[in-house]
Amino acid sequence: MKEVAYMVGFSDSRYFSRSFKQKYGITPSEYKTQAQRQSALQMKVRLPLSDES
C-alpha cells in the first residue's frame, strides 16, 4: 500500500489507510481483495465473442 499512498499524495501509508477506510468503509487491502474477486468472477462469466463451431 505504500506505493499507492505515495502515488495519490500521502507520505504516511497508515494515514492513507485510515483516511481510505473513513471515506469508503473498508481498508485498502479489503478493497483490493474485493476487486480481485470481482475480476476473477468476470473472467469466469465472459462469453466467447463469436461462435467457433
PDB file of N, CA and C in Angstrom:
ATOM      1  N   MET A   1       0.803  -1.190   0.000  1.00  0.00           N
ATOM      2  CA  MET A   1       0.000   0.000   0.000  1.00  0.00           C
ATOM      3  C   MET A   1       0.855   1.266   0.000  1.00  0.00           C
ATOM      4  N   LYS A   2       2.089   1.155   0.388  1.00  0.00           N
ATOM      5  CA  LYS A   2       2.947   2.337   0.439  1.00  0.00           C
ATOM      6  C   LYS A   2       3.028   3.025  -0.913  1.00  0.00           C
ATOM      7  N   GLU A   3       3.158   2.228  -1.968  1.00  0.00           N
ATOM      8  CA  GLU A   3       3.274   2.798  -3.301  1.00  0.00           C
ATOM      9  C   GLU A   3       2.005   3.540  -3.705  1.00  0.00           C
ATOM     10  N   VAL A   4       0.864   2.943  -3.412  1.00  0.00           N
ATOM     11  CA  VAL A   4      -0.411   3.571  -3.750  1.00  0.00           C
ATOM     12  C   VAL A   4      -0.581   4.861  -2.958  1.00  0.00           C
ATOM     13  N   ALA A   5      -0.288   4.809  -1.666  1.00  0.00           N
ATOM     14  CA  ALA A   5      -0.399   6.008  -0.830  1.00  0.00           C
ATOM     15  C   ALA A   5       0.459   7.133  -1.393  1.00  0.00           C
ATOM     16  N   TYR A   6       1.672   6.812  -1.752  1.00  0.00           N
ATOM     17  CA  TYR A   6       2.576   7.818  -2.303  1.00  0.00           C
ATOM     18  C   TYR A   6       2.066   8.357  -3.637  1.00  0.00           C
ATOM     19  N   MET A   7       1.553   7.461  -4.473  1.00  0.00           N
ATOM     20  CA  MET A   7       1.074   7.866  -5.805  1.00  0.00           C
ATOM     21  C   MET A   7      -0.095   8.848  -5.718  1.00  0.00           C
ATOM     22  N   VAL A   8      -0.894   8.745  -4.673  1.00  0.00           N
ATOM     23  CA  VAL A   8      -2.048   9.646  -4.539  1.00  0.00           C
ATOM     24  C   VAL A   8      -1.776  10.802  -3.580  1.00  0.00           C
ATOM     25  N   GLY A   9      -0.512  10.978  -3.195  1.00  0.00           N
ATOM     26  CA  GLY A   9      -0.134  12.171  -2.456  1.00  0.00           C
ATOM     27  C   GLY A   9      -0.002  12.045  -0.953  1.00  0.00           C
ATOM     28  N   PHE A  10      -0.040  10.830  -0.422  1.00  0.00           N
ATOM     29  CA  PHE A  10       0.130  10.631   1.015  1.00  0.00           C
ATOM     30  C   PHE A  10       1.568  10.202   1.298  1.00  0.00           C
ATOM     31  N   SER A  11       2.197  10.822   2.272  1.00  0.00           N
ATOM     32  CA  SER A  11       3.548  10.409   2.643  1.00  0.00           C
ATOM     33  C   SER A  11       3.520   9.366   3.761  1.00  0.00           C
ATOM     34  N   ASP A  12       2.373   9.201   4.413  1.00  0.00           N
ATOM     35  CA  ASP A  12       2.221   8.250   5.520  1.00  0.00           C
ATOM     36  C   ASP A  12       1.173   7.210   5.115  1.00  0.00           C
ATOM     37  N   SER A  13       1.617   5.979   4.886  1.00  0.00           N
ATOM     38  CA  SER A  13       0.686   4.945   4.414  1.00  0.00           C
ATOM     39  C   SER A  13      -0.362   4.589   5.469  1.00  0.00           C
ATOM     40  N   ARG A  14      -0.031   4.709   6.743  1.00  0.00           N
ATOM     41  CA  ARG A  14      -1.022   4.434   7.795  1.00  0.00           C
ATOM     42  C   ARG A  14      -2.135   5.475   7.765  1.00  0.00           C
ATOM     43  N   TYR A  15      -1.757   6.722   7.565  1.00  0.00           N
ATOM     44  CA  TYR A  15      -2.759   7.792   7.465  1.00  0.00           C
ATOM     45  C   TYR A  15      -3.622   7.584   6.223  1.00  0.00           C
ATOM     46  N   PHE A  16      -3.006   7.176   5.122  1.00  0.00           N
ATOM     47  CA  PHE A  16      -3.755   6.863   3.905  1.00  0.00           C
ATOM     48  C   PHE A  16      -4.785   5.774   4.180  1.00  0.00           C
ATOM     49  N   SER A  17      -4.377   4.700   4.847  1.00  0.00           N
ATOM     50  CA  SER A  17      -5.290   3.594   5.137  1.00  0.00           C
ATOM     51  C   SER A  17      -6.451   4.041   6.009  1.00  0.00           C
ATOM     52  N   ARG A  18      -6.157   4.836   7.026  1.00  0.00           N
ATOM     53  CA  ARG A  18      -7.224   5.338   7.901  1.00  0.00           C
ATOM     54  C   ARG A  18      -8.174   6.241   7.121  1.00  0.00           C
ATOM     55  N   SER A  19      -7.629   7.122   6.301  1.00  0.00           N
ATOM     56  CA  SER A  19      -8.458   8.038   5.510  1.00  0.00           C
ATOM     57  C   SER A  19      -9.315   7.274   4.513  1.00  0.00           C
ATOM     58  N   PHE A  20      -8.727   6.269   3.873  1.00  0.00           N
ATOM     59  CA  PHE A  20      -9.446   5.441   2.903  1.00  0.00           C
ATOM     60  C   PHE A  20     -10.617   4.737   3.589  1.00  0.00           C
ATOM     61  N   LYS A  21     -10.365   4.137   4.749  1.00  0.00           N
ATOM     62  CA  LYS A  21     -11.425   3.421   5.461  1.00  0.00           C
ATOM     63  C   LYS A  21     -12.519   4.372   5.915  1.00  0.00           C
ATOM     64  N   GLN A  22     -12.140   5.556   6.352  1.00  0.00           N
ATOM     65  CA  GLN A  22     -13.135   6.533   6.783  1.00  0.00           C
ATOM     66  C   GLN A  22     -14.036   6.933   5.617  1.00  0.00           C
ATOM     67  N   LYS A  23     -13.469   7.111   4.447  1.00  0.00           N
ATOM     68  CA  LYS A  23     -14.244   7.542   3.284  1.00  0.00           C
ATOM     69  C   LYS A  23     -15.064   6.413   2.668  1.00  0.00           C
ATOM     70  N   TYR A  24     -14.454   5.210   2.531  1.00  0.00           N
ATOM     71  CA  TYR A  24     -15.100   4.119   1.791  1.00  0.00           C
ATOM     72  C   TYR A  24     -15.649   2.989   2.659  1.00  0.00           C
ATOM     73  N   GLY A  25     -15.332   2.997   3.950  1.00  0.00           N
ATOM     74  CA  GLY A  25     -15.886   1.990   4.857  1.00  0.00           C
ATOM     75  C   GLY A  25     -15.152   0.660   4.862  1.00  0.00           C
ATOM     76  N   ILE A  26     -14.110   0.527   4.056  1.00  0.00           N
ATOM     77  CA  ILE A  26     -13.273  -0.672   4.062  1.00  0.00           C
ATOM     78  C   ILE A  26     -11.816  -0.236   3.918  1.00  0.00           C
ATOM     79  N   THR A  27     -10.908  -1.125   4.298  1.00  0.00           N
ATOM     80  CA  THR A  27      -9.492  -0.802   4.184  1.00  0.00           C
ATOM     81  C   THR A  27      -9.043  -0.962   2.729  1.00  0.00           C
ATOM     82  N   PRO A  28      -7.925  -0.358   2.380  1.00  0.00           N
ATOM     83  CA  PRO A  28      -7.407  -0.560   1.028  1.00  0.00           C
ATOM     84  C   PRO A  28      -7.167  -2.040   0.709  1.00  0.00           C
ATOM     85  N   SER A  29      -6.711  -2.798   1.686  1.00  0.00           N
ATOM     86  CA  SER A  29      -6.487  -4.236   1.467  1.00  0.00           C
ATOM     87  C   SER A  29      -7.797  -4.970   1.195  1.00  0.00           C
ATOM     88  N   GLU A  30      -8.832  -4.609   1.935  1.00  0.00           N
ATOM     89  CA  GLU A  30     -10.140  -5.224   1.696  1.00  0.00           C
ATOM     90  C   GLU A  30     -10.655  -4.853   0.307  1.00  0.00           C
ATOM     91  N   TYR A  31     -10.451  -3.610  -0.086  1.00  0.00           N
ATOM     92  CA  TYR A  31     -10.852  -3.165  -1.422  1.00  0.00           C
ATOM     93  C   TYR A  31     -10.123  -3.972  -2.499  1.00  0.00           C
ATOM     94  N   LYS A  32      -8.821  -4.149  -2.309  1.00  0.00           N
ATOM     95  CA  LYS A  32      -8.027  -4.910  -3.274  1.00  0.00           C
ATOM     96  C   LYS A  32      -8.548  -6.341  -3.394  1.00  0.00           C
ATOM     97  N   THR A  33      -8.839  -6.973  -2.259  1.00  0.00           N
ATOM     98  CA  THR A  33      -9.351  -8.346  -2.270  1.00  0.00           C
ATOM     99  C   THR A  33     -10.684  -8.419  -3.004  1.00  0.00           C
ATOM    100  N   GLN A  34     -11.577  -7.472  -2.715  1.00  0.00           N
ATOM    101  CA  GLN A  34     -12.879  -7.459  -3.391  1.00  0.00           C
ATOM    102  C   GLN A  34     -12.720  -7.242  -4.892  1.00  0.00           C
ATOM    103  N   ALA A  35     -11.833  -6.349  -5.279  1.00  0.00           N
ATOM    104  CA  ALA A  35     -11.612  -6.078  -6.700  1.00  0.00           C
ATOM    105  C   ALA A  35     -11.053  -7.305  -7.411  1.00  0.00           C
ATOM    106  N   GLN A  36     -10.141  -8.010  -6.749  1.00  0.00           N
ATOM    107  CA  GLN A  36      -9.565  -9.211  -7.354  1.00  0.00           C
ATOM    108  C   GLN A  36     -10.623 -10.296  -7.509  1.00  0.00           C
ATOM    109  N   ARG A  37     -11.484 -10.450  -6.512  1.00  0.00           N
ATOM    110  CA  ARG A  37     -12.555 -11.450  -6.605  1.00  0.00           C
ATOM    111  C   ARG A  37     -13.530 -11.104  -7.711  1.00  0.00           C
ATOM    112  N   GLN A  38     -13.880  -9.812  -7.802  1.00  0.00           N
ATOM    113  CA  GLN A  38     -14.811  -9.371  -8.845  1.00  0.00           C
ATOM    114  C   GLN A  38     -14.210  -9.616 -10.230  1.00  0.00           C
ATOM    115  N   SER A  39     -12.934  -9.321 -10.369  1.00  0.00           N
ATOM    116  CA  SER A  39     -12.259  -9.523 -11.643  1.00  0.00           C
ATOM    117  C   SER A  39     -12.239 -11.000 -12.024  1.00  0.00           C
ATOM    118  N   ALA A  40     -11.930 -11.853 -11.055  1.00  0.00           N
ATOM    119  CA  ALA A  40     -11.895 -13.293 -11.312  1.00  0.00           C
ATOM    120  C   ALA A  40     -13.277 -13.798 -11.697  1.00  0.00           C
ATOM    121  N   LEU A  41     -14.299 -13.291 -11.043  1.00  0.00           N
ATOM    122  CA  LEU A  41     -15.671 -13.691 -11.357  1.00  0.00           C
ATOM    123  C   LEU A  41     -16.036 -13.265 -12.774  1.00  0.00           C
ATOM    124  N   GLN A  42     -15.666 -12.052 -13.155  1.00  0.00           N
ATOM    125  CA  GLN A  42     -15.961 -11.577 -14.504  1.00  0.00           C
ATOM    126  C   GLN A  42     -15.242 -12.418 -15.546  1.00  0.00           C
ATOM    127  N   MET A  43     -14.033 -12.851 -15.246  1.00  0.00           N
ATOM    128  CA  MET A  43     -13.284 -13.685 -16.186  1.00  0.00           C
ATOM    129  C   MET A  43     -14.002 -15.017 -16.409  1.00  0.00           C
ATOM    130  N   LYS A  44     -14.608 -15.574 -15.371  1.00  0.00           N
ATOM    131  CA  LYS A  44     -15.304 -16.853 -15.486  1.00  0.00           C
ATOM    132  C   LYS A  44     -16.608 -16.714 -16.262  1.00  0.00           C
ATOM    133  N   VAL A  45     -17.236 -15.556 -16.186  1.00  0.00           N
ATOM    134  CA  VAL A  45     -18.557 -15.357 -16.764  1.00  0.00           C
ATOM    135  C   VAL A  45     -18.492 -14.909 -18.218  1.00  0.00           C
ATOM    136  N   ARG A  46     -17.384 -14.437 -18.680  1.00  0.00           N
ATOM    137  CA  ARG A  46     -17.277 -13.915 -20.044  1.00  0.00           C
ATOM    138  C   ARG A  46     -17.662 -14.965 -21.075  1.00  0.00           C
ATOM    139  N   LEU A  47     -18.425 -14.528 -22.035  1.00  0.00           N
ATOM    140  CA  LEU A  47     -18.851 -15.406 -23.121  1.00  0.00           C
ATOM    141  C   LEU A  47     -17.923 -15.206 -24.310  1.00  0.00           C
ATOM    142  N   PRO A  48     -17.784 -16.197 -25.143  1.00  0.00           N
ATOM    143  CA  PRO A  48     -16.959 -16.027 -26.352  1.00  0.00           C
ATOM    144  C   PRO A  48     -17.530 -14.939 -27.248  1.00  0.00           C
ATOM    145  N   LEU A  49     -16.663 -14.251 -27.967  1.00  0.00           N
ATOM    146  CA  LEU A  49     -17.098 -13.173 -28.849  1.00  0.00           C
ATOM    147  C   LEU A  49     -17.754 -13.711 -30.107  1.00  0.00           C
ATOM    148  N   SER A  50     -17.389 -14.901 -30.513  1.00  0.00           N
ATOM    149  CA  SER A  50     -18.002 -15.477 -31.713  1.00  0.00           C
ATOM    150  C   SER A  50     -18.182 -16.967 -31.520  1.00  0.00           C
ATOM    151  N   ASP A  51     -19.061 -17.534 -32.304  1.00  0.00           N
ATOM    152  CA  ASP A  51     -19.290 -18.974 -32.252  1.00  0.00           C
ATOM    153  C   ASP A  51     -18.294 -19.663 -33.180  1.00  0.00           C
ATOM    154  N   GLU A  52     -17.407 -20.453 -32.617  1.00  0.00           N
ATOM    155  CA  GLU A  52     -16.346 -21.084 -33.421  1.00  0.00           C
ATOM    156  C   GLU A  52     -16.693 -22.503 -33.832  1.00  0.00           C
ATOM    157  N   SER A  53     -17.969 -22.912 -33.719  1.00  0.00           N
ATOM    158  CA  SER A  53     -18.327 -24.270 -34.095  1.00  0.00           C
ATOM    159  C   SER A  53     -18.642 -24.422 -35.542  1.00  0.00           C
TER     160      SER A  53
END
